Amino acid sequence: MDRSRFLAALLCLGFGLEPAIAVESAPVTPSDQGAVPSLGKPVDIVDPSRFGPAPTPEAIPALQPAPAAPGVPDLGANPATRAPDGIDPNRFGGKHSDEAYGAFQRGLYKTAYNLALPRAEAGDSAAQTLIAEILSRGLGVARNDSEAAKWYERAAEQGVPEAQFQYALLLLDGKYVTRDDKAANALMQAAAEAGNRLAQFNYAQMLVQREPGGRGLEKAVPYYERAAATGLADAQYAMAQVLANGVGGKLRDDKQARMMLVRAARQNYDTAQFDLGLWMADGRGGDRDLKSAFGWMKLAADSGNVAAQNRLAKFYMGGIGIDPDPILAGAWYINARRAGLNDPEMDDFLRGLTDVEMKQALERANRIR
């Protein structure tokens, strides 16, 4: 599991929530009215600033909405594309004019490594962080996590937030360095206070783990809020659950919770898409919108969310936001059942299909990917 994500499951400890998964940010509109997702498969994108301060406006061009897939209507909330995976030198504490970072941004990783290494050995914390990044990802050189850990440690000691965050994760993992939860906690907090949004989210998770229940959540919520404000989908989903349940020192606010779900859902966060589909179908936190509910549920189901696949089957069965289709209802439930989900209502539905319909449903299920 990616080190930057392995703490995500801790969210359930605070108030019985599904765990969050790190997903990168995308622009959102101020309202969720008409926020129906495109039924085309969204592009898998990477936010170059996910580990540190956002690039200056000159560094990354303004984002434009991505067009809907050919033949698919754009229903108003097609996720925006993102600039290529350029790297913001700020995340390493470096300057935009630095030759090593310039080479790194152009994909000349071996050159970047050779340029940064002498400076790293001389004590340059930004160069140390860059070397650690290259080694930990095996970019242009053989991957070497143990060596990367040494460079992250040296940079973390000099206060680079990205290095503090990464080394904290290494200390918690204990695979390449000796496990040290106390030191990890201190480094994670330092990185969080410095503005690293993944550190903010993960530190909130650590607080919830350390003090399960209301008190831990109250301490964690400010960090969730700060990370959510940067566009981190994990944190947006966490705040949606906080606001929906009125916990962590927050009053229940379904309208704001729904907006948080919209923001996370627009970033292909499948659990948020699933929840948003349910909320829109029920009219919770805003207008009832069955077409949008179906669209979000379809996106979650397409991403492999088994609960969403089962619920999508019910949407097709009942004609919720879409014309009734017993074949597709059967196909999506068969797919969910193959993944281990059993729903007595849908089992009864399958038994009511004719032999011809069942054969067609099986054929369609076999084509679902």
Protein backbone atom coordinates (compact mmCIF):
# COMPACT_ATOMS: atom_id res chain seq x y z
CA MET A 1 0.00 0.00 0.00
CA ASP A 2 1.26 3.51 -0.81
CA ARG A 3 2.76 5.00 2.35
CA SER A 4 0.82 8.23 1.87
CA ARG A 5 -2.44 6.31 2.05
CA PHE A 6 -2.08 3.57 4.61
CA LEU A 7 -3.52 5.61 7.48
CA ALA A 8 -6.77 6.30 5.64
CA ALA A 9 -8.62 3.40 7.26
CA LEU A 10 -8.37 5.11 10.63
CA LEU A 11 -11.26 7.42 9.84
CA CYS A 12 -13.75 4.73 10.77
CA LEU A 13 -12.48 4.72 14.35
CA GLY A 14 -13.94 8.10 15.19
CA PHE A 15 -17.54 7.71 14.23
CA GLY A 16 -18.06 4.49 12.34
CA LEU A 17 -17.28 5.86 8.88
CA GLU A 18 -16.01 4.19 5.78
CA PRO A 19 -12.27 4.79 5.34
CA ALA A 20 -11.13 7.55 3.02
CA ILE A 21 -8.80 7.05 0.08
CA ALA A 22 -6.43 9.74 -1.09
CA VAL A 23 -7.71 11.25 -4.28
CA GLU A 24 -6.49 14.42 -5.94
CA SER A 25 -8.45 17.65 -6.16
CA ALA A 26 -10.54 19.17 -8.94
CA PRO A 27 -12.37 22.47 -9.28
CA VAL A 28 -15.99 22.62 -8.18
CA THR A 29 -18.88 24.96 -8.81
CA PRO A 30 -20.40 26.88 -5.89
CA SER A 31 -23.61 24.90 -6.14
CA ASP A 32 -24.51 21.29 -6.72
CA GLN A 33 -27.57 22.20 -8.75
CA GLY A 34 -27.37 20.25 -11.98
CA ALA A 35 -24.22 18.56 -10.76
CA VAL A 36 -24.77 15.42 -12.78
CA PRO A 37 -21.56 13.65 -13.70
CA SER A 38 -20.67 12.83 -17.24
CA LEU A 39 -21.21 9.14 -17.82
CA GLY A 40 -17.90 8.97 -19.65
CA LYS A 41 -14.98 7.44 -17.76
CA PRO A 42 -13.04 10.27 -16.10
CA VAL A 43 -9.35 10.75 -16.77
CA ASP A 44 -6.95 9.50 -14.11
CA ILE A 45 -5.05 12.61 -13.07
CA VAL A 46 -2.30 13.56 -10.64
CA ASP A 47 -2.04 16.82 -8.76
CA PRO A 48 1.60 17.98 -8.88
CA SER A 49 1.15 20.01 -5.70
CA ARG A 50 -0.27 17.20 -3.59
CA PHE A 51 2.74 17.13 -1.26
CA GLY A 52 3.22 20.82 -0.64
CA PRO A 53 2.33 24.46 -1.39
CA ALA A 54 0.42 25.05 -4.58
CA PRO A 55 2.39 26.30 -7.60
CA THR A 56 2.17 29.93 -8.58
CA PRO A 57 -0.46 30.78 -11.24
CA GLU A 58 2.34 31.06 -13.78
CA ALA A 59 3.59 27.56 -13.05
CA ILE A 60 0.46 25.68 -14.06
CA PRO A 61 -2.06 26.90 -16.63
CA ALA A 62 -5.70 27.40 -15.74
CA LEU A 63 -7.73 24.23 -15.94
CA GLN A 64 -10.53 23.84 -18.44
CA PRO A 65 -13.45 21.41 -18.20
CA ALA A 66 -12.82 18.16 -19.98
CA PRO A 67 -15.20 17.38 -22.85
CA ALA A 68 -17.63 14.54 -22.46
CA ALA A 69 -16.70 11.26 -24.08
CA PRO A 70 -17.84 10.88 -27.72
CA GLY A 71 -21.50 10.03 -27.86
CA VAL A 72 -22.01 10.72 -24.16
CA PRO A 73 -23.98 13.78 -23.09
CA ASP A 74 -22.13 16.19 -20.80
CA LEU A 75 -24.59 16.49 -17.94
CA GLY A 76 -22.93 19.38 -16.21
CA ALA A 77 -20.25 18.07 -13.85
CA ASN A 78 -17.65 16.40 -15.98
CA PRO A 79 -14.43 16.41 -13.92
CA ALA A 80 -11.87 18.95 -15.11
CA THR A 81 -8.58 17.88 -16.56
CA ARG A 82 -5.36 18.74 -14.80
CA ALA A 83 -2.03 19.91 -16.07
CA PRO A 84 0.60 17.22 -16.67
CA ASP A 85 2.45 15.86 -13.67
CA GLY A 86 4.81 18.79 -13.28
CA ILE A 87 6.43 19.15 -9.88
CA ASP A 88 6.25 22.26 -7.75
CA PRO A 89 9.76 22.96 -6.46
CA ASN A 90 8.19 24.51 -3.36
CA ARG A 91 7.33 21.06 -2.09
CA PHE A 92 11.06 20.40 -1.76
CA GLY A 93 11.83 23.84 -0.35
CA GLY A 94 13.67 24.75 -3.53
CA LYS A 95 13.59 27.65 -5.97
CA HIS A 96 11.86 27.65 -9.35
CA SER A 97 15.11 28.47 -11.15
CA ASP A 98 17.03 25.49 -9.77
CA GLU A 99 18.57 23.32 -12.49
CA ALA A 100 17.93 20.05 -10.64
CA TYR A 101 14.23 20.79 -10.28
CA GLY A 102 14.04 21.93 -13.86
CA ALA A 103 15.47 18.60 -14.99
CA PHE A 104 13.10 16.76 -12.66
CA GLN A 105 10.10 18.60 -14.09
CA ARG A 106 11.15 17.70 -17.63
CA GLY A 107 11.46 14.03 -16.73
CA LEU A 108 15.27 14.04 -16.82
CA TYR A 109 15.46 12.18 -13.54
CA LYS A 110 18.99 10.84 -13.82
CA THR A 111 20.24 14.34 -14.64
CA ALA A 112 18.26 15.75 -11.74
CA TYR A 113 19.77 13.13 -9.45
CA ASN A 114 23.33 13.89 -10.58
CA LEU A 115 22.80 17.64 -10.18
CA ALA A 116 21.17 17.35 -6.76
CA LEU A 117 23.45 14.74 -5.18
CA PRO A 118 26.52 16.95 -4.51
CA ARG A 119 24.30 19.61 -2.96
CA ALA A 120 22.46 17.02 -0.89
CA GLU A 121 25.73 15.65 0.42
CA ALA A 122 26.74 19.23 1.29
CA GLY A 123 23.64 19.60 3.46
CA ASP A 124 21.13 21.27 1.12
CA SER A 125 17.75 20.18 2.51
CA ALA A 126 15.85 20.81 -0.73
CA ALA A 127 18.31 18.68 -2.69
CA GLN A 128 18.13 15.98 -0.02
CA THR A 129 14.34 15.84 -0.38
CA LEU A 130 14.60 15.66 -4.16
CA ILE A 131 17.13 12.82 -3.97
CA ALA A 132 14.83 10.97 -1.56
CA GLU A 133 11.90 11.42 -3.93
CA ILE A 134 13.83 10.08 -6.89
CA LEU A 135 15.13 7.07 -4.95
CA SER A 136 11.77 6.25 -3.34
CA ARG A 137 10.04 6.17 -6.71
CA GLY A 138 12.86 4.65 -8.76
CA LEU A 139 12.91 7.54 -11.23
CA GLY A 140 15.87 7.16 -13.59
CA VAL A 141 17.74 5.14 -10.97
CA ALA A 142 17.16 1.87 -9.18
CA ARG A 143 14.53 2.18 -6.47
CA ASN A 144 16.12 2.21 -3.03
CA ASP A 145 13.71 2.84 -0.18
CA SER A 146 16.31 2.41 2.54
CA GLU A 147 18.58 5.03 1.01
CA ALA A 148 15.60 7.30 0.37
CA ALA A 149 14.71 7.05 4.05
CA LYS A 150 18.15 8.34 5.03
CA TRP A 151 17.75 11.39 2.82
CA TYR A 152 14.20 12.04 4.02
CA GLU A 153 15.49 11.90 7.60
CA ARG A 154 18.25 14.41 6.92
CA ALA A 155 15.86 16.80 5.18
CA ALA A 156 13.22 16.34 7.88
CA GLU A 157 15.75 17.34 10.52
CA GLN A 158 16.11 20.63 8.64
CA GLY A 159 12.36 21.27 8.64
CA VAL A 160 11.24 20.48 5.07
CA PRO A 161 7.51 19.64 5.46
CA GLU A 162 7.45 17.10 2.63
CA ALA A 163 10.40 15.26 4.13
CA GLN A 164 8.82 15.40 7.59
CA PHE A 165 5.63 13.89 6.20
CA GLN A 166 7.37 11.12 4.27
CA TYR A 167 9.74 10.25 7.10
CA ALA A 168 6.84 10.17 9.56
CA LEU A 169 5.17 7.57 7.36
CA LEU A 170 8.39 5.56 7.24
CA LEU A 171 8.62 5.67 11.05
CA LEU A 172 5.05 4.42 11.34
CA ASP A 173 5.61 1.68 8.80
CA GLY A 174 8.84 0.44 10.38
CA LYS A 175 10.01 -1.39 7.25
CA TYR A 176 12.99 0.72 6.24
CA VAL A 177 13.66 2.45 9.56
CA THR A 178 13.07 1.48 13.16
CA ARG A 179 9.44 2.04 14.04
CA ASP A 180 8.94 5.06 16.30
CA ASP A 181 5.33 6.18 16.78
CA LYS A 182 6.24 9.09 19.05
CA ALA A 183 8.72 10.58 16.59
CA ALA A 184 6.31 9.96 13.73
CA ASN A 185 3.57 11.81 15.56
CA ALA A 186 5.83 14.83 16.15
CA LEU A 187 6.98 14.97 12.53
CA MET A 188 3.46 14.51 11.16
CA GLN A 189 2.20 17.35 13.33
CA ALA A 190 5.07 19.59 12.25
CA ALA A 191 4.36 18.92 8.58
CA ALA A 192 0.65 19.49 9.15
CA GLU A 193 1.23 22.80 10.87
CA ALA A 194 3.50 23.81 7.99
CA GLY A 195 0.61 23.29 5.56
CA ASN A 196 1.24 19.86 4.02
CA ARG A 197 -2.31 18.73 3.29
CA LEU A 198 -1.65 15.00 3.37
CA ALA A 199 0.09 15.47 6.70
CA GLN A 200 -2.95 17.40 7.92
CA PHE A 201 -5.27 14.58 6.95
CA ASN A 202 -3.03 11.85 8.32
CA TYR A 203 -2.38 13.72 11.55
CA ALA A 204 -6.14 14.01 12.00
CA GLN A 205 -6.35 10.25 11.52
CA MET A 206 -3.68 9.75 14.15
CA LEU A 207 -5.59 11.91 16.60
CA VAL A 208 -8.74 9.86 16.03
CA GLN A 209 -6.79 6.65 16.53
CA ARG A 210 -5.19 7.90 19.72
CA GLU A 211 -8.47 9.09 21.22
CA PRO A 212 -11.41 7.27 19.62
CA GLY A 213 -14.72 9.02 20.07
CA GLY A 214 -15.82 12.61 20.43
CA ARG A 215 -12.74 14.09 22.07
CA GLY A 216 -10.36 12.77 19.43
CA LEU A 217 -12.66 13.98 16.68
CA GLU A 218 -12.81 17.47 18.11
CA LYS A 219 -9.03 17.63 17.96
CA ALA A 220 -8.95 16.14 14.46
CA VAL A 221 -11.63 18.28 12.80
CA PRO A 222 -9.49 21.45 12.44
CA TYR A 223 -6.92 19.42 10.51
CA TYR A 224 -9.59 17.78 8.35
CA GLU A 225 -10.98 21.25 7.63
CA ARG A 226 -7.61 22.65 6.61
CA ALA A 227 -6.91 19.71 4.33
CA ALA A 228 -10.41 19.85 2.87
CA ALA A 229 -9.94 23.54 2.08
CA THR A 230 -6.96 22.62 -0.12
CA GLY A 231 -9.15 20.24 -2.14
CA LEU A 232 -8.03 16.91 -0.66
CA ALA A 233 -10.88 14.49 -1.31
CA ASP A 234 -10.12 12.31 1.71
CA ALA A 235 -10.59 15.29 3.99
CA GLN A 236 -13.64 16.56 2.12
CA TYR A 237 -15.31 13.19 2.59
CA ALA A 238 -14.31 13.16 6.26
CA MET A 239 -15.84 16.61 6.74
CA ALA A 240 -19.00 15.49 4.93
CA GLN A 241 -19.38 12.76 7.52
CA VAL A 242 -18.61 15.12 10.41
CA LEU A 243 -21.25 17.59 9.22
CA ALA A 244 -23.79 14.91 8.35
CA ASN A 245 -23.54 13.43 11.83
CA GLY A 246 -23.06 16.63 13.83
CA VAL A 247 -19.94 15.37 15.59
CA GLY A 248 -16.45 16.67 16.35
CA GLY A 249 -17.79 19.91 17.76
CA LYS A 250 -19.79 20.68 14.60
CA LEU A 251 -23.52 21.14 14.32
CA ARG A 252 -25.33 18.93 11.86
CA ASP A 253 -25.45 20.69 8.48
CA ASP A 254 -26.75 18.53 5.66
CA LYS A 255 -26.42 21.30 3.08
CA GLN A 256 -22.71 21.78 3.72
CA ALA A 257 -22.20 18.04 4.04
CA ARG A 258 -23.74 17.56 0.62
CA MET A 259 -21.43 20.18 -0.86
CA MET A 260 -18.45 18.35 0.63
CA LEU A 261 -19.70 15.16 -0.97
CA VAL A 262 -19.99 16.95 -4.31
CA ARG A 263 -16.41 18.19 -4.06
CA ALA A 264 -15.04 14.76 -3.23
CA ALA A 265 -17.26 13.02 -5.79
CA ARG A 266 -16.01 15.29 -8.56
CA GLN A 267 -12.54 13.92 -7.89
CA ASN A 268 -13.65 10.35 -8.62
CA TYR A 269 -13.89 9.49 -4.92
CA ASP A 270 -16.22 6.54 -5.34
CA THR A 271 -17.54 6.39 -1.76
CA ALA A 272 -18.52 10.06 -2.00
CA GLN A 273 -20.15 9.37 -5.36
CA PHE A 274 -22.13 6.54 -3.79
CA ASP A 275 -23.23 8.65 -0.83
CA LEU A 276 -24.08 11.60 -3.06
CA GLY A 277 -26.23 9.36 -5.23
CA LEU A 278 -28.20 8.30 -2.16
CA TRP A 279 -28.50 11.87 -0.87
CA MET A 280 -29.76 13.18 -4.21
CA ALA A 281 -32.23 10.34 -4.52
CA ASP A 282 -33.57 11.13 -1.04
CA GLY A 283 -33.38 14.92 -1.38
CA ARG A 284 -31.09 15.17 1.62
CA GLY A 285 -29.20 18.43 1.96
CA GLY A 286 -30.78 19.88 -1.17
CA ASP A 287 -33.26 19.24 -3.95
CA ARG A 288 -34.21 15.73 -4.90
CA ASP A 289 -32.58 14.99 -8.26
CA LEU A 290 -33.05 11.45 -9.50
CA LYS A 291 -31.16 11.94 -12.76
CA SER A 292 -28.12 13.22 -10.89
CA ALA A 293 -28.48 10.45 -8.33
CA PHE A 294 -28.34 7.86 -11.08
CA GLY A 295 -25.35 9.56 -12.73
CA TRP A 296 -23.25 9.61 -9.57
CA MET A 297 -24.21 6.05 -8.67
CA LYS A 298 -23.21 4.91 -12.16
CA LEU A 299 -19.78 6.52 -11.81
CA ALA A 300 -19.23 4.83 -8.45
CA ALA A 301 -20.38 1.49 -9.84
CA ASP A 302 -18.12 1.85 -12.88
CA SER A 303 -15.16 2.42 -10.56
CA GLY A 304 -15.79 -0.94 -8.89
CA ASN A 305 -17.65 0.12 -5.75
CA VAL A 306 -19.66 -3.01 -4.96
CA ALA A 307 -22.27 -1.25 -2.84
CA ALA A 308 -22.82 1.18 -5.69
CA GLN A 309 -23.18 -1.67 -8.16
CA ASN A 310 -25.91 -3.20 -6.02
CA ARG A 311 -27.67 0.14 -5.60
CA LEU A 312 -27.38 0.84 -9.32
CA ALA A 313 -29.12 -2.47 -9.94
CA LYS A 314 -32.00 -1.22 -7.78
CA PHE A 315 -32.07 2.05 -9.70
CA TYR A 316 -32.44 0.10 -12.94
CA MET A 317 -34.99 -2.21 -11.35
CA GLY A 318 -37.14 0.65 -10.07
CA GLY A 319 -36.53 3.14 -12.86
CA ILE A 320 -34.89 5.68 -10.54
CA GLY A 321 -33.36 8.43 -12.67
CA ILE A 322 -33.37 6.10 -15.68
CA ASP A 323 -35.87 4.02 -17.61
CA PRO A 324 -36.48 0.63 -15.96
CA ASP A 325 -34.23 -2.07 -17.39
CA PRO A 326 -34.49 -5.55 -15.83
CA ILE A 327 -31.54 -6.84 -17.86
CA LEU A 328 -29.14 -4.17 -16.61
CA ALA A 329 -30.60 -4.47 -13.11
CA GLY A 330 -29.81 -8.16 -13.16
CA ALA A 331 -26.38 -7.63 -14.70
CA TRP A 332 -25.22 -5.13 -12.09
CA TYR A 333 -26.49 -7.23 -9.22
CA ILE A 334 -24.81 -10.34 -10.62
CA ASN A 335 -21.59 -8.37 -10.75
CA ALA A 336 -22.01 -7.21 -7.14
CA ARG A 337 -22.86 -10.72 -6.00
CA ARG A 338 -19.74 -12.08 -7.66
CA ALA A 339 -17.80 -9.66 -5.45
CA GLY A 340 -19.43 -11.14 -2.34
CA LEU A 341 -22.44 -8.89 -1.76
CA ASN A 342 -25.78 -10.60 -1.10
CA ASP A 343 -29.08 -8.73 -1.15
CA PRO A 344 -32.26 -10.77 -0.52
CA GLU A 345 -34.40 -8.25 -2.38
CA MET A 346 -32.24 -8.53 -5.48
CA ASP A 347 -32.03 -12.31 -5.15
CA ASP A 348 -35.82 -12.36 -5.34
CA PHE A 349 -35.66 -10.09 -8.36
CA LEU A 350 -33.28 -12.43 -10.16
CA ARG A 351 -35.53 -15.40 -9.47
CA GLY A 352 -38.37 -13.50 -11.16
CA LEU A 353 -36.48 -13.08 -14.44
CA THR A 354 -37.35 -15.37 -17.34
CA ASP A 355 -34.71 -17.77 -18.64
CA VAL A 356 -34.11 -15.48 -21.62
CA GLU A 357 -33.77 -12.41 -19.41
CA MET A 358 -31.40 -14.22 -17.06
CA LYS A 359 -29.22 -15.28 -19.96
CA GLN A 360 -29.10 -11.69 -21.22
CA ALA A 361 -28.32 -10.38 -17.75
CA LEU A 362 -25.43 -12.83 -17.41
CA GLU A 363 -24.07 -11.80 -20.79
CA ARG A 364 -24.21 -8.14 -19.82
CA ALA A 365 -22.62 -8.86 -16.43
CA ASN A 366 -19.72 -10.56 -18.17
CA ARG A 367 -19.08 -7.36 -20.12
CA ILE A 368 -18.98 -5.11 -17.06
CA ARG A 369 -15.42 -4.10 -16.23
